Amino acid sequence: PGHIHRALLHGGDDYELLFTAPSAQHQSVAELAHTLNLPLHCIGVITPQQHGLSINGFALDSNALGYDHFR
C-alpha cells in the first residue's frame, strides 16, 4: 500500500487544486462554492498533534517531489 499512497501524492498530472481552510470558515467556503457552482470535497483534516504527513495512518515523506517538468 505504501507505493500506492506515494503515487497518489507525488505522481501524475494535477487537475485539481487542494487548499486548507479553518474549520470556522466551513460555512463561508461552502457558500462561495455554491455561488460559483464549484464542487468542493473535504479530503482530510489537519491536526496539531500529528507530526509529518500521513494518509490513513501511513506516514509519507513530505519532502518528496513529484515530476519536475524542467529537468
PDB file of N, CA and C in Angstrom:
ATOM      1  N   PRO A   1       0.799  -1.211   0.000  1.00  0.00           N
ATOM      2  CA  PRO A   1       0.000   0.000   0.000  1.00  0.00           C
ATOM      3  C   PRO A   1       0.839   1.271   0.000  1.00  0.00           C
ATOM      4  N   GLY A   2       2.077   1.240   0.514  1.00  0.00           N
ATOM      5  CA  GLY A   2       2.900   2.440   0.593  1.00  0.00           C
ATOM      6  C   GLY A   2       3.176   3.071  -0.744  1.00  0.00           C
ATOM      7  N   HIS A   3       3.525   2.266  -1.743  1.00  0.00           N
ATOM      8  CA  HIS A   3       3.836   2.829  -3.058  1.00  0.00           C
ATOM      9  C   HIS A   3       2.608   3.441  -3.717  1.00  0.00           C
ATOM     10  N   ILE A   4       1.442   2.925  -3.410  1.00  0.00           N
ATOM     11  CA  ILE A   4       0.201   3.492  -3.956  1.00  0.00           C
ATOM     12  C   ILE A   4      -0.021   4.887  -3.376  1.00  0.00           C
ATOM     13  N   HIS A   5       0.164   5.029  -2.063  1.00  0.00           N
ATOM     14  CA  HIS A   5      -0.010   6.342  -1.440  1.00  0.00           C
ATOM     15  C   HIS A   5       1.008   7.337  -1.985  1.00  0.00           C
ATOM     16  N   ARG A   6       2.256   6.905  -2.177  1.00  0.00           N
ATOM     17  CA  ARG A   6       3.272   7.805  -2.734  1.00  0.00           C
ATOM     18  C   ARG A   6       2.889   8.231  -4.149  1.00  0.00           C
ATOM     19  N   ALA A   7       2.393   7.313  -4.952  1.00  0.00           N
ATOM     20  CA  ALA A   7       1.992   7.644  -6.319  1.00  0.00           C
ATOM     21  C   ALA A   7       0.825   8.623  -6.319  1.00  0.00           C
ATOM     22  N   LEU A   8      -0.113   8.429  -5.417  1.00  0.00           N
ATOM     23  CA  LEU A   8      -1.253   9.346  -5.351  1.00  0.00           C
ATOM     24  C   LEU A   8      -0.825  10.743  -4.959  1.00  0.00           C
ATOM     25  N   LEU A   9       0.159  10.850  -4.073  1.00  0.00           N
ATOM     26  CA  LEU A   9       0.576  12.146  -3.581  1.00  0.00           C
ATOM     27  C   LEU A   9       1.547  12.844  -4.526  1.00  0.00           C
ATOM     28  N   HIS A  10       2.431  12.090  -5.169  1.00  0.00           N
ATOM     29  CA  HIS A  10       3.521  12.702  -5.921  1.00  0.00           C
ATOM     30  C   HIS A  10       3.491  12.428  -7.421  1.00  0.00           C
ATOM     31  N   GLY A  11       2.622  11.598  -7.904  1.00  0.00           N
ATOM     32  CA  GLY A  11       2.672  11.225  -9.309  1.00  0.00           C
ATOM     33  C   GLY A  11       1.505  11.764 -10.104  1.00  0.00           C
ATOM     34  N   GLY A  12       1.621  11.670 -11.399  1.00  0.00           N
ATOM     35  CA  GLY A  12       0.525  12.030 -12.284  1.00  0.00           C
ATOM     36  C   GLY A  12       0.381  13.515 -12.521  1.00  0.00           C
ATOM     37  N   ASP A  13      -0.599  13.832 -13.324  1.00  0.00           N
ATOM     38  CA  ASP A  13      -0.889  15.231 -13.638  1.00  0.00           C
ATOM     39  C   ASP A  13      -1.843  15.802 -12.603  1.00  0.00           C
ATOM     40  N   ASP A  14      -1.717  17.078 -12.356  1.00  0.00           N
ATOM     41  CA  ASP A  14      -2.554  17.747 -11.367  1.00  0.00           C
ATOM     42  C   ASP A  14      -3.694  18.477 -12.063  1.00  0.00           C
ATOM     43  N   TYR A  15      -4.904  17.998 -11.854  1.00  0.00           N
ATOM     44  CA  TYR A  15      -6.070  18.625 -12.454  1.00  0.00           C
ATOM     45  C   TYR A  15      -6.994  19.217 -11.400  1.00  0.00           C
ATOM     46  N   GLU A  16      -6.656  19.051 -10.153  1.00  0.00           N
ATOM     47  CA  GLU A  16      -7.459  19.561  -9.050  1.00  0.00           C
ATOM     48  C   GLU A  16      -6.570  20.434  -8.177  1.00  0.00           C
ATOM     49  N   LEU A  17      -7.164  21.409  -7.556  1.00  0.00           N
ATOM     50  CA  LEU A  17      -6.446  22.245  -6.607  1.00  0.00           C
ATOM     51  C   LEU A  17      -6.802  21.807  -5.193  1.00  0.00           C
ATOM     52  N   LEU A  18      -5.804  21.777  -4.338  1.00  0.00           N
ATOM     53  CA  LEU A  18      -6.015  21.457  -2.939  1.00  0.00           C
ATOM     54  C   LEU A  18      -5.778  22.715  -2.123  1.00  0.00           C
ATOM     55  N   PHE A  19      -6.553  22.902  -1.084  1.00  0.00           N
ATOM     56  CA  PHE A  19      -6.329  24.053  -0.215  1.00  0.00           C
ATOM     57  C   PHE A  19      -6.798  23.701   1.182  1.00  0.00           C
ATOM     58  N   THR A  20      -6.342  24.488   2.124  1.00  0.00           N
ATOM     59  CA  THR A  20      -6.807  24.332   3.505  1.00  0.00           C
ATOM     60  C   THR A  20      -7.591  25.572   3.902  1.00  0.00           C
ATOM     61  N   ALA A  21      -8.500  25.373   4.819  1.00  0.00           N
ATOM     62  CA  ALA A  21      -9.291  26.480   5.355  1.00  0.00           C
ATOM     63  C   ALA A  21      -9.611  26.154   6.812  1.00  0.00           C
ATOM     64  N   PRO A  22      -9.670  27.168   7.660  1.00  0.00           N
ATOM     65  CA  PRO A  22     -10.030  26.917   9.053  1.00  0.00           C
ATOM     66  C   PRO A  22     -11.444  26.344   9.147  1.00  0.00           C
ATOM     67  N   SER A  23     -11.647  25.423  10.065  1.00  0.00           N
ATOM     68  CA  SER A  23     -12.978  24.816  10.206  1.00  0.00           C
ATOM     69  C   SER A  23     -14.041  25.868  10.531  1.00  0.00           C
ATOM     70  N   ALA A  24     -13.641  26.961  11.162  1.00  0.00           N
ATOM     71  CA  ALA A  24     -14.590  28.035  11.473  1.00  0.00           C
ATOM     72  C   ALA A  24     -15.120  28.710  10.205  1.00  0.00           C
ATOM     73  N   GLN A  25     -14.433  28.546   9.088  1.00  0.00           N
ATOM     74  CA  GLN A  25     -14.842  29.154   7.817  1.00  0.00           C
ATOM     75  C   GLN A  25     -15.582  28.176   6.901  1.00  0.00           C
ATOM     76  N   HIS A  26     -15.917  27.003   7.428  1.00  0.00           N
ATOM     77  CA  HIS A  26     -16.553  25.972   6.597  1.00  0.00           C
ATOM     78  C   HIS A  26     -17.799  26.491   5.885  1.00  0.00           C
ATOM     79  N   GLN A  27     -18.681  27.159   6.612  1.00  0.00           N
ATOM     80  CA  GLN A  27     -19.925  27.658   6.019  1.00  0.00           C
ATOM     81  C   GLN A  27     -19.645  28.691   4.934  1.00  0.00           C
ATOM     82  N   SER A  28     -18.692  29.590   5.159  1.00  0.00           N
ATOM     83  CA  SER A  28     -18.349  30.610   4.160  1.00  0.00           C
ATOM     84  C   SER A  28     -17.787  29.979   2.895  1.00  0.00           C
ATOM     85  N   VAL A  29     -16.929  28.987   3.069  1.00  0.00           N
ATOM     86  CA  VAL A  29     -16.347  28.298   1.907  1.00  0.00           C
ATOM     87  C   VAL A  29     -17.442  27.557   1.149  1.00  0.00           C
ATOM     88  N   ALA A  30     -18.342  26.892   1.867  1.00  0.00           N
ATOM     89  CA  ALA A  30     -19.443  26.165   1.223  1.00  0.00           C
ATOM     90  C   ALA A  30     -20.356  27.118   0.453  1.00  0.00           C
ATOM     91  N   GLU A  31     -20.639  28.281   1.023  1.00  0.00           N
ATOM     92  CA  GLU A  31     -21.492  29.270   0.345  1.00  0.00           C
ATOM     93  C   GLU A  31     -20.809  29.808  -0.912  1.00  0.00           C
ATOM     94  N   LEU A  32     -19.518  30.084  -0.838  1.00  0.00           N
ATOM     95  CA  LEU A  32     -18.782  30.563  -2.003  1.00  0.00           C
ATOM     96  C   LEU A  32     -18.775  29.508  -3.097  1.00  0.00           C
ATOM     97  N   ALA A  33     -18.539  28.265  -2.723  1.00  0.00           N
ATOM     98  CA  ALA A  33     -18.538  27.178  -3.701  1.00  0.00           C
ATOM     99  C   ALA A  33     -19.900  27.075  -4.385  1.00  0.00           C
ATOM    100  N   HIS A  34     -20.963  27.213  -3.602  1.00  0.00           N
ATOM    101  CA  HIS A  34     -22.312  27.165  -4.167  1.00  0.00           C
ATOM    102  C   HIS A  34     -22.540  28.341  -5.124  1.00  0.00           C
ATOM    103  N   THR A  35     -22.129  29.532  -4.721  1.00  0.00           N
ATOM    104  CA  THR A  35     -22.287  30.722  -5.559  1.00  0.00           C
ATOM    105  C   THR A  35     -21.547  30.563  -6.890  1.00  0.00           C
ATOM    106  N   LEU A  36     -20.354  29.963  -6.834  1.00  0.00           N
ATOM    107  CA  LEU A  36     -19.536  29.781  -8.035  1.00  0.00           C
ATOM    108  C   LEU A  36     -19.858  28.502  -8.796  1.00  0.00           C
ATOM    109  N   ASN A  37     -20.810  27.722  -8.266  1.00  0.00           N
ATOM    110  CA  ASN A  37     -21.144  26.419  -8.852  1.00  0.00           C
ATOM    111  C   ASN A  37     -19.879  25.563  -8.975  1.00  0.00           C
ATOM    112  N   LEU A  38     -19.118  25.533  -7.897  1.00  0.00           N
ATOM    113  CA  LEU A  38     -17.833  24.853  -7.848  1.00  0.00           C
ATOM    114  C   LEU A  38     -17.912  23.697  -6.862  1.00  0.00           C
ATOM    115  N   PRO A  39     -17.819  22.458  -7.344  1.00  0.00           N
ATOM    116  CA  PRO A  39     -17.877  21.331  -6.399  1.00  0.00           C
ATOM    117  C   PRO A  39     -16.610  21.251  -5.561  1.00  0.00           C
ATOM    118  N   LEU A  40     -16.773  21.190  -4.252  1.00  0.00           N
ATOM    119  CA  LEU A  40     -15.648  21.030  -3.331  1.00  0.00           C
ATOM    120  C   LEU A  40     -15.853  19.769  -2.517  1.00  0.00           C
ATOM    121  N   HIS A  41     -14.747  19.138  -2.154  1.00  0.00           N
ATOM    122  CA  HIS A  41     -14.808  17.911  -1.369  1.00  0.00           C
ATOM    123  C   HIS A  41     -13.774  17.982  -0.252  1.00  0.00           C
ATOM    124  N   CYS A  42     -14.185  17.699   0.951  1.00  0.00           N
ATOM    125  CA  CYS A  42     -13.269  17.623   2.074  1.00  0.00           C
ATOM    126  C   CYS A  42     -12.509  16.304   1.955  1.00  0.00           C
ATOM    127  N   ILE A  43     -11.177  16.377   1.935  1.00  0.00           N
ATOM    128  CA  ILE A  43     -10.380  15.163   1.781  1.00  0.00           C
ATOM    129  C   ILE A  43      -9.547  14.845   3.017  1.00  0.00           C
ATOM    130  N   GLY A  44      -9.617  15.684   4.029  1.00  0.00           N
ATOM    131  CA  GLY A  44      -8.837  15.402   5.219  1.00  0.00           C
ATOM    132  C   GLY A  44      -8.915  16.518   6.226  1.00  0.00           C
ATOM    133  N   VAL A  45      -8.216  16.311   7.319  1.00  0.00           N
ATOM    134  CA  VAL A  45      -8.196  17.263   8.417  1.00  0.00           C
ATOM    135  C   VAL A  45      -6.756  17.410   8.880  1.00  0.00           C
ATOM    136  N   ILE A  46      -6.351  18.630   9.132  1.00  0.00           N
ATOM    137  CA  ILE A  46      -5.028  18.889   9.689  1.00  0.00           C
ATOM    138  C   ILE A  46      -5.171  18.937  11.196  1.00  0.00           C
ATOM    139  N   THR A  47      -4.351  18.152  11.878  1.00  0.00           N
ATOM    140  CA  THR A  47      -4.428  18.102  13.333  1.00  0.00           C
ATOM    141  C   THR A  47      -3.109  18.572  13.939  1.00  0.00           C
ATOM    142  N   PRO A  48      -3.154  19.343  15.008  1.00  0.00           N
ATOM    143  CA  PRO A  48      -1.928  19.893  15.582  1.00  0.00           C
ATOM    144  C   PRO A  48      -1.040  18.852  16.255  1.00  0.00           C
ATOM    145  N   GLN A  49      -1.590  17.756  16.740  1.00  0.00           N
ATOM    146  CA  GLN A  49      -0.785  16.781  17.439  1.00  0.00           C
ATOM    147  C   GLN A  49      -0.051  15.814  16.517  1.00  0.00           C
ATOM    148  N   GLN A  50      -0.314  15.860  15.244  1.00  0.00           N
ATOM    149  CA  GLN A  50       0.304  14.949  14.288  1.00  0.00           C
ATOM    150  C   GLN A  50       1.569  15.581  13.725  1.00  0.00           C
ATOM    151  N   HIS A  51       2.629  14.811  13.603  1.00  0.00           N
ATOM    152  CA  HIS A  51       3.884  15.290  13.028  1.00  0.00           C
ATOM    153  C   HIS A  51       4.069  14.651  11.668  1.00  0.00           C
ATOM    154  N   GLY A  52       4.416  15.450  10.686  1.00  0.00           N
ATOM    155  CA  GLY A  52       4.612  14.920   9.343  1.00  0.00           C
ATOM    156  C   GLY A  52       3.300  14.796   8.604  1.00  0.00           C
ATOM    157  N   LEU A  53       3.334  14.072   7.529  1.00  0.00           N
ATOM    158  CA  LEU A  53       2.184  13.900   6.661  1.00  0.00           C
ATOM    159  C   LEU A  53       1.817  12.428   6.615  1.00  0.00           C
ATOM    160  N   SER A  54       0.537  12.133   6.767  1.00  0.00           N
ATOM    161  CA  SER A  54       0.105  10.744   6.682  1.00  0.00           C
ATOM    162  C   SER A  54      -1.244  10.674   5.992  1.00  0.00           C
ATOM    163  N   ILE A  55      -1.468   9.552   5.348  1.00  0.00           N
ATOM    164  CA  ILE A  55      -2.755   9.255   4.719  1.00  0.00           C
ATOM    165  C   ILE A  55      -3.233   7.949   5.319  1.00  0.00           C
ATOM    166  N   ASN A  56      -4.370   7.981   5.972  1.00  0.00           N
ATOM    167  CA  ASN A  56      -4.920   6.799   6.635  1.00  0.00           C
ATOM    168  C   ASN A  56      -3.900   6.131   7.545  1.00  0.00           C
ATOM    169  N   GLY A  57      -3.106   6.931   8.250  1.00  0.00           N
ATOM    170  CA  GLY A  57      -2.129   6.392   9.182  1.00  0.00           C
ATOM    171  C   GLY A  57      -0.809   5.992   8.570  1.00  0.00           C
ATOM    172  N   PHE A  58      -0.670   6.077   7.258  1.00  0.00           N
ATOM    173  CA  PHE A  58       0.577   5.722   6.589  1.00  0.00           C
ATOM    174  C   PHE A  58       1.426   6.980   6.442  1.00  0.00           C
ATOM    175  N   ALA A  59       2.608   6.993   7.066  1.00  0.00           N
ATOM    176  CA  ALA A  59       3.484   8.164   7.031  1.00  0.00           C
ATOM    177  C   ALA A  59       4.078   8.349   5.633  1.00  0.00           C
ATOM    178  N   LEU A  60       4.065   9.589   5.157  1.00  0.00           N
ATOM    179  CA  LEU A  60       4.610   9.914   3.842  1.00  0.00           C
ATOM    180  C   LEU A  60       5.744  10.910   3.986  1.00  0.00           C
ATOM    181  N   ASP A  61       6.677  10.863   3.050  1.00  0.00           N
ATOM    182  CA  ASP A  61       7.782  11.820   3.026  1.00  0.00           C
ATOM    183  C   ASP A  61       7.278  13.098   2.371  1.00  0.00           C
ATOM    184  N   SER A  62       7.050  14.135   3.166  1.00  0.00           N
ATOM    185  CA  SER A  62       6.505  15.377   2.620  1.00  0.00           C
ATOM    186  C   SER A  62       7.546  16.163   1.840  1.00  0.00           C
ATOM    187  N   ASN A  63       8.812  15.735   1.867  1.00  0.00           N
ATOM    188  CA  ASN A  63       9.861  16.396   1.095  1.00  0.00           C
ATOM    189  C   ASN A  63      10.018  15.791  -0.292  1.00  0.00           C
ATOM    190  N   ALA A  64       9.371  14.665  -0.533  1.00  0.00           N
ATOM    191  CA  ALA A  64       9.461  14.024  -1.846  1.00  0.00           C
ATOM    192  C   ALA A  64       8.762  14.901  -2.877  1.00  0.00           C
ATOM    193  N   LEU A  65       9.351  14.977  -4.030  1.00  0.00           N
ATOM    194  CA  LEU A  65       8.803  15.818  -5.084  1.00  0.00           C
ATOM    195  C   LEU A  65       8.137  14.967  -6.158  1.00  0.00           C
ATOM    196  N   GLY A  66       7.204  15.559  -6.846  1.00  0.00           N
ATOM    197  CA  GLY A  66       6.581  14.909  -7.994  1.00  0.00           C
ATOM    198  C   GLY A  66       7.453  15.108  -9.223  1.00  0.00           C
ATOM    199  N   TYR A  67       6.891  14.922 -10.377  1.00  0.00           N
ATOM    200  CA  TYR A  67       7.613  15.055 -11.633  1.00  0.00           C
ATOM    201  C   TYR A  67       8.059  16.491 -11.819  1.00  0.00           C
ATOM    202  N   ASP A  68       9.300  16.679 -12.214  1.00  0.00           N
ATOM    203  CA  ASP A  68       9.855  18.015 -12.469  1.00  0.00           C
ATOM    204  C   ASP A  68       9.856  18.269 -13.970  1.00  0.00           C
ATOM    205  N   HIS A  69       9.007  19.142 -14.439  1.00  0.00           N
ATOM    206  CA  HIS A  69       8.880  19.418 -15.860  1.00  0.00           C
ATOM    207  C   HIS A  69      10.086  20.131 -16.445  1.00  0.00           C
ATOM    208  N   PHE A  70      10.956  20.647 -15.599  1.00  0.00           N
ATOM    209  CA  PHE A  70      12.083  21.443 -16.077  1.00  0.00           C
ATOM    210  C   PHE A  70      13.408  20.683 -16.066  1.00  0.00           C
ATOM    211  N   ARG A  71      13.383  19.407 -15.794  1.00  0.00           N
ATOM    212  CA  ARG A  71      14.615  18.606 -15.839  1.00  0.00           C
ATOM    213  C   ARG A  71      14.867  18.095 -17.211  1.00  0.00           C
TER     214      ARG A  71
END
